[in-house]
Amino acid sequence: MAPYANGGVWLNFVGDEGRDRVRAAFGEDNYARLARVKREFDPGNVFRGNQNILPAAS
């Protein structure tokens, strides 16, 4: 199967492995975009269950 692997991460299988693993699952560009959205709509990080994306810094 190795020739068909792309090195990606499936969020369904990520436990408490840290922010870097969640960031890798989304990719840098998508993670940054989602963090900006989170800053606008959830700055208090109320919705932090599962694989959390922290709100971007102001």
Protein backbone atom coordinates (compact mmCIF):
# COMPACT_ATOMS: atom_id res chain seq x y z
CA MET A 1 0.00 0.00 0.00
CA ALA A 2 2.95 2.36 0.48
CA PRO A 3 3.00 3.46 -3.19
CA TYR A 4 -0.59 4.69 -2.79
CA ALA A 5 -0.14 6.55 0.50
CA ASN A 6 0.01 10.34 0.43
CA GLY A 7 1.15 10.98 4.02
CA GLY A 8 -2.13 12.64 5.00
CA VAL A 9 -3.90 12.43 8.34
CA TRP A 10 -7.47 11.22 8.89
CA LEU A 11 -9.10 13.27 11.65
CA ASN A 12 -11.32 10.35 12.61
CA PHE A 13 -8.23 8.52 13.85
CA VAL A 14 -6.48 11.40 15.63
CA GLY A 15 -6.68 11.25 19.40
CA ASP A 16 -5.02 13.69 21.77
CA GLU A 17 -1.84 13.91 19.70
CA GLY A 18 -1.37 17.66 19.86
CA ARG A 19 -1.96 20.69 17.68
CA ASP A 20 0.69 19.80 15.12
CA ARG A 21 -1.18 16.63 14.17
CA VAL A 22 -4.47 18.53 13.74
CA ARG A 23 -2.65 21.18 11.71
CA ALA A 24 -1.18 18.46 9.49
CA ALA A 25 -4.63 16.98 8.90
CA PHE A 26 -6.04 20.26 7.58
CA GLY A 27 -2.89 21.52 5.86
CA GLU A 28 -1.29 24.88 6.59
CA ASP A 29 -3.47 27.01 4.29
CA ASN A 30 -6.77 25.48 5.39
CA TYR A 31 -5.81 25.55 9.05
CA ALA A 32 -4.90 29.24 8.85
CA ARG A 33 -8.20 30.03 7.11
CA LEU A 34 -10.19 28.06 9.70
CA ALA A 35 -8.33 29.80 12.54
CA ARG A 36 -9.31 33.19 11.08
CA VAL A 37 -12.94 32.08 10.83
CA LYS A 38 -12.76 30.82 14.41
CA ARG A 39 -11.37 34.19 15.57
CA GLU A 40 -14.37 35.93 14.04
CA PHE A 41 -17.17 33.58 15.10
CA ASP A 42 -15.81 31.86 18.24
CA PRO A 43 -13.08 34.05 19.80
CA GLY A 44 -13.69 32.48 23.23
CA ASN A 45 -13.07 28.99 21.81
CA VAL A 46 -16.39 27.71 23.18
CA PHE A 47 -16.59 25.05 20.47
CA ARG A 48 -13.39 23.22 21.32
CA GLY A 49 -14.43 19.59 21.28
CA ASN A 50 -12.86 16.97 19.04
CA GLN A 51 -9.85 18.23 17.09
CA ASN A 52 -9.71 21.83 18.22
CA ILE A 53 -8.63 24.72 16.03
CA LEU A 54 -7.53 27.68 18.12
CA PRO A 55 -8.74 31.13 17.08
CA ALA A 56 -6.08 33.07 15.17
CA ALA A 57 -4.22 35.80 17.04
CA SER A 58 -5.51 39.32 16.50
